[in-house]
Protein backbone atom coordinates (compact mmCIF):
# COMPACT_ATOMS: atom_id res chain seq x y z
CA MET A 1 8.22 -9.18 20.27
CA LEU A 2 4.73 -9.30 21.72
CA SER A 3 4.17 -5.63 20.86
CA LEU A 4 5.31 -6.30 17.29
CA ILE A 5 2.91 -9.21 16.95
CA VAL A 6 0.06 -7.08 18.25
CA ALA A 7 0.90 -4.21 15.89
CA LEU A 8 1.45 -6.29 12.74
CA PHE A 9 -1.15 -9.03 13.21
CA LEU A 10 -3.80 -8.41 15.84
CA ILE A 11 -4.56 -4.70 15.28
CA PRO A 12 -5.08 -5.08 11.50
CA LEU A 13 -7.31 -8.07 12.07
CA ALA A 14 -9.39 -6.20 14.64
CA ALA A 15 -9.72 -3.25 12.24
CA ARG A 16 -10.75 -5.52 9.37
CA ALA A 17 -13.29 -7.27 11.56
CA ALA A 18 -14.76 -3.92 12.64
CA ILE A 19 -15.12 -2.83 9.00
CA TYR A 20 -16.87 -6.06 8.12
CA GLY A 21 -19.14 -5.84 11.17
CA MET A 22 -20.34 -2.39 10.11
CA SER A 23 -20.81 -3.35 6.45
CA ASP A 24 -23.95 -4.63 4.77
CA ALA A 25 -22.07 -7.49 3.09
CA PRO A 26 -24.19 -10.64 2.71
CA ARG A 27 -23.93 -13.00 5.68
CA SER A 28 -25.11 -16.18 3.98
CA TYR A 29 -24.48 -18.08 0.75
CA ARG A 30 -28.10 -17.64 -0.38
CA ASP A 31 -28.07 -13.87 0.09
CA ALA A 32 -24.95 -13.30 -2.01
CA ASP A 33 -24.70 -12.31 -5.65
CA TRP A 34 -22.69 -14.82 -7.71
CA SER A 35 -23.29 -13.28 -11.15
CA SER A 36 -20.70 -12.27 -13.75
CA ILE A 37 -19.21 -8.79 -13.49
CA GLY A 38 -19.07 -8.62 -17.28
CA GLN A 39 -15.30 -8.26 -17.43
CA LEU A 40 -14.74 -11.15 -19.83
CA PRO A 41 -16.26 -11.41 -23.30
CA THR A 42 -17.87 -14.64 -24.41
CA ALA A 43 -15.30 -17.21 -25.48
CA ARG A 44 -16.49 -16.98 -29.10
CA ALA A 45 -15.92 -13.20 -29.07
CA GLU A 46 -12.27 -13.60 -28.07
CA PRO A 47 -10.51 -15.91 -30.55
CA GLU A 48 -7.03 -15.91 -28.98
CA ALA A 49 -6.00 -18.06 -26.04
CA ARG A 50 -6.18 -16.48 -22.60
CA VAL A 51 -5.29 -17.50 -19.01
CA LEU A 52 -6.45 -15.68 -15.89
CA PHE A 53 -6.03 -16.30 -12.18
CA PHE A 54 -8.71 -14.53 -10.10
CA THR A 55 -9.16 -13.76 -6.44
CA GLY A 56 -12.24 -12.44 -4.67
CA THR A 57 -12.90 -11.72 -1.01
CA THR A 58 -14.72 -14.64 0.49
CA GLY A 59 -17.91 -14.44 2.52
CA GLY A 60 -19.01 -14.30 6.15
CA TRP A 61 -16.38 -13.87 8.81
CA LYS A 62 -13.93 -15.80 6.63
CA GLY A 63 -13.90 -12.67 4.47
CA VAL A 64 -12.22 -10.82 7.31
CA LEU A 65 -9.16 -13.04 6.83
CA SER A 66 -8.98 -14.23 3.27
CA VAL A 67 -9.73 -14.20 -0.41
CA HIS A 68 -10.82 -17.16 -2.55
CA SER A 69 -8.82 -17.95 -5.69
CA TRP A 70 -9.65 -19.71 -8.94
CA ILE A 71 -8.32 -20.36 -12.45
CA VAL A 72 -9.89 -19.48 -15.80
CA PHE A 73 -8.65 -20.20 -19.32
CA LYS A 74 -9.60 -20.81 -22.93
CA PRO A 75 -7.50 -22.16 -25.81
CA ALA A 76 -7.49 -20.30 -29.09
CA LYS A 77 -10.87 -20.49 -30.91
CA ALA A 78 -12.48 -22.31 -27.97
CA THR A 79 -16.24 -21.83 -27.68
CA LYS A 80 -16.36 -21.74 -23.86
CA TRP A 81 -14.26 -20.70 -20.88
CA THR A 82 -12.97 -23.27 -18.39
CA ARG A 83 -12.99 -22.45 -14.69
CA TYR A 84 -11.48 -24.49 -11.84
CA ASP A 85 -12.16 -23.92 -8.12
CA VAL A 86 -11.67 -25.85 -4.92
CA VAL A 87 -14.40 -25.46 -2.31
CA GLY A 88 -15.14 -26.77 1.16
CA TRP A 89 -18.30 -28.76 0.56
CA GLY A 90 -18.84 -31.99 -1.33
CA SER A 91 -16.16 -32.89 -3.85
CA PRO A 92 -13.57 -30.11 -3.49
CA LEU A 93 -12.49 -29.68 -7.11
CA ARG A 94 -15.18 -27.97 -9.20
CA LEU A 95 -15.30 -27.44 -12.94
CA ASN A 96 -17.32 -24.49 -14.25
CA GLY A 97 -19.33 -24.14 -11.06
CA TRP A 98 -19.69 -20.38 -11.54
CA ALA A 99 -19.27 -17.75 -14.23
CA PRO A 100 -15.61 -17.31 -15.22
CA ASP A 101 -15.60 -13.73 -13.87
CA GLY A 102 -18.37 -14.24 -11.35
CA ARG A 103 -18.59 -12.43 -8.07
CA TRP A 104 -17.49 -14.48 -5.07
CA PHE A 105 -19.94 -14.13 -2.20
CA GLY A 106 -21.03 -10.82 -3.76
CA ASN A 107 -17.48 -9.47 -4.07
CA PRO A 108 -16.07 -8.58 -7.52
CA PRO A 109 -12.98 -10.61 -8.49
CA GLN A 110 -9.59 -9.22 -9.33
CA ALA A 111 -7.28 -10.75 -11.93
CA ILE A 112 -3.80 -11.29 -10.55
CA VAL A 113 -2.61 -13.04 -13.73
CA ASP A 114 -3.79 -12.25 -17.24
CA VAL A 115 -1.88 -13.79 -20.14
CA ARG A 116 -2.99 -13.88 -23.80
CA GLY A 117 -2.00 -15.25 -27.16
CA ALA A 118 0.87 -17.64 -27.74
CA ASP A 119 2.08 -17.38 -24.11
CA ALA A 120 -1.36 -18.43 -22.87
CA GLU A 121 -1.53 -21.29 -25.37
CA ARG A 122 1.71 -22.71 -24.01
CA LEU A 123 0.51 -22.40 -20.42
CA ILE A 124 -2.83 -24.16 -20.78
CA PRO A 125 -1.51 -27.77 -21.03
CA LYS A 126 0.64 -27.16 -17.96
CA ILE A 127 -2.32 -25.86 -16.05
CA GLU A 128 -4.46 -28.84 -17.04
CA GLN A 129 -1.72 -31.26 -15.94
CA ALA A 130 -1.21 -29.40 -12.65
CA VAL A 131 -4.98 -29.65 -11.95
CA LYS A 132 -4.86 -33.41 -12.65
CA ASP A 133 -1.87 -33.78 -10.34
CA TYR A 134 -3.44 -31.91 -7.41
CA LYS A 135 -3.38 -34.31 -4.47
CA TYR A 136 -6.26 -32.95 -2.41
CA ALA A 137 -9.17 -33.20 -4.84
CA HIS A 138 -11.15 -35.93 -3.03
CA ASP A 139 -13.97 -35.84 -0.51
CA GLY A 140 -12.63 -35.05 2.93
CA ASP A 141 -9.35 -33.55 1.69
CA TYR A 142 -10.39 -29.91 2.15
CA ARG A 143 -9.26 -28.13 5.31
CA ILE A 144 -10.00 -24.47 5.77
CA TRP A 145 -6.90 -23.73 7.87
CA PRO A 146 -4.00 -23.78 7.22
CA GLY A 147 -4.94 -25.79 4.10
CA PRO A 148 -5.35 -27.48 1.75
CA ASN A 149 -8.10 -25.12 0.65
CA SER A 150 -8.97 -23.11 -2.47
CA ASN A 151 -5.84 -21.00 -2.22
CA SER A 152 -3.65 -24.06 -1.61
CA PHE A 153 -4.98 -25.46 -4.90
CA VAL A 154 -4.20 -22.36 -6.95
CA ALA A 155 -0.79 -21.98 -5.27
CA ALA A 156 0.00 -25.61 -6.14
CA VAL A 157 -0.81 -24.89 -9.80
CA LEU A 158 1.33 -21.75 -9.79
CA ARG A 159 4.28 -23.72 -8.42
CA LYS A 160 4.06 -25.97 -11.49
CA ILE A 161 4.31 -22.94 -13.78
CA PRO A 162 7.43 -21.11 -12.58
CA GLU A 163 7.73 -19.12 -15.83
CA LEU A 164 4.71 -17.11 -14.75
CA GLY A 165 6.69 -15.64 -11.88
CA ALA A 166 3.43 -15.15 -9.99
CA THR A 167 2.15 -15.53 -6.45
CA LEU A 168 -1.19 -15.24 -4.70
CA PRO A 169 -2.06 -12.19 -2.54
CA SER A 170 -0.76 -12.15 0.99
CA ASN A 171 -4.31 -12.51 2.38
CA ALA A 172 -4.93 -15.74 0.43
CA VAL A 173 -4.94 -17.88 3.57
CA GLY A 174 -3.80 -21.42 2.67
CA ARG A 175 -1.50 -20.44 -0.18
CA ASP A 176 1.56 -21.32 1.94
CA PHE A 177 0.26 -24.75 2.91
CA ARG A 178 2.80 -27.50 2.34
CA GLU A 179 2.94 -31.13 3.42
CA GLY A 180 6.08 -30.56 5.45
CA PHE A 181 8.98 -28.28 6.17
CA HIS A 182 10.21 -26.32 3.16
CA ALA A 183 13.39 -24.28 2.70
CA GLY A 184 14.08 -23.16 -0.84
CA LEU A 185 12.71 -21.00 -3.63
CA THR A 186 9.50 -19.01 -3.37
CA ASP A 187 6.51 -19.84 -5.54
CA SER A 188 7.53 -17.24 -8.11
CA ARG A 189 11.13 -18.59 -8.14
CA THR A 190 12.32 -14.99 -7.58
CA GLY A 191 13.37 -15.40 -3.95
CA ILE A 192 13.84 -17.78 -1.03
CA GLU A 193 11.58 -18.90 1.81
CA ILE A 194 11.39 -21.06 4.89
CA ASN A 195 8.03 -22.62 5.70
CA PHE A 196 6.83 -24.76 8.59
CA TRP A 197 3.82 -26.72 7.19
CA GLY A 198 2.03 -23.46 6.36
CA TYR A 199 1.66 -22.51 10.02
CA ALA A 200 4.64 -20.15 10.07
CA GLY A 201 7.43 -18.99 7.81
CA ALA A 202 9.21 -16.13 6.11
CA LYS A 203 10.16 -15.26 2.54
CA ILE A 204 11.95 -12.60 0.55
CA GLY A 205 11.72 -12.27 -3.22
CA TRP A 206 11.35 -9.85 -6.09
CA VAL A 207 7.67 -10.77 -6.63
CA GLU A 208 6.79 -11.68 -3.04
CA GLY A 209 8.66 -8.83 -1.32
CA ILE A 210 9.38 -9.48 2.36
CA GLU A 211 6.76 -11.52 4.21
CA VAL A 212 6.35 -13.10 7.62
CA ASN A 213 3.72 -15.83 8.09
CA LEU A 214 2.33 -16.38 11.59
CA LEU A 215 -0.46 -18.98 11.87
CA ALA A 216 -1.15 -18.50 8.10
CA LEU A 217 -1.56 -14.72 8.51
CA VAL A 218 0.92 -12.60 6.57
CA ALA A 219 2.52 -9.22 7.24
CA GLY A 220 5.19 -7.68 5.04
CA ILE A 221 6.22 -5.14 2.44
CA ASP A 222 6.25 -5.11 -1.36
CA ILE A 223 9.62 -4.02 -2.72
CA ARG A 224 8.97 -4.03 -6.46
CA GLN A 225 5.78 -1.89 -6.23
CA PRO A 226 5.93 -0.11 -2.85
CA ALA A 227 3.19 -1.33 -0.52
CA ILE A 228 2.57 -2.86 2.88
CA LYS A 229 0.86 -6.21 3.44
CA LEU A 230 -1.39 -6.65 6.44
CA PRO A 231 -3.48 -9.59 7.68
CA GLY A 232 -7.06 -9.30 6.48
CA PHE A 233 -6.36 -6.33 4.19
CA GLY A 234 -3.71 -7.84 1.98
CA ARG A 235 -1.68 -5.43 -0.13
CA ILE A 236 -2.10 -1.69 0.44
CA GLY A 237 0.02 0.52 -1.78
CA PHE A 238 0.90 1.56 -5.32
CA GLY A 239 0.84 -0.19 -8.66
CA PRO A 240 -1.37 -2.99 -10.02
CA ALA A 241 -2.03 -6.22 -8.12
CA VAL A 242 -0.97 -8.31 -11.11
CA ALA A 243 2.17 -10.15 -10.06
CA THR A 244 3.59 -11.78 -13.15
CA ALA A 245 6.07 -10.74 -15.79
CA LEU A 246 3.95 -12.33 -18.52
CA ALA A 247 0.80 -10.39 -17.64
CA ARG A 248 -0.58 -8.04 -20.28
């Protein structure tokens, strides 16, 4: 068992840390590029409704372990995008703090959900209500590990929208945070899981694959689109990272 833990959790983390240590990635908030990558058009240039969930590798040594997640949407004919994040300083819940498709700590984001048109229009009120219902949006509520953090927030919204059939990447530390013991359906509602307050757990599902959570670090395999999941690295394999049946 000890050898398995070393192979699945400690060695990947050590490798990821070594890669980061040799990189020229920005070490501080002020040195990082937070500008748009130019992936999204202006809201006026895209008349139909659209919903996206983004992730981007976070900064400093936290980036060895995790990505940061956020939500972006616009109703049909809206003149601006709406972006929601949770962060670890000041008031956690932020509205339009950065460009919708902005780099996070210099790292380009990746869309894990991208829904357009009538499907997106139906989702937006549910997203807005889920944001209002989020319990940890007040000063002092944020906790980097095991949550509630930025990924806990986005995961909580996804749980309120089961028709998306989506889940955050395996290296979104904090996504499995829960207030207590949970045994039941996975976030995508395509499998089952057991979860001990976000500190440990296991799940198997069509979207999630097979995952084992140890101290909020995840190792596993993707069944639907063959891949392995390793702490720090996330998903390594074939197929797109988008994990939702509604994605276009």
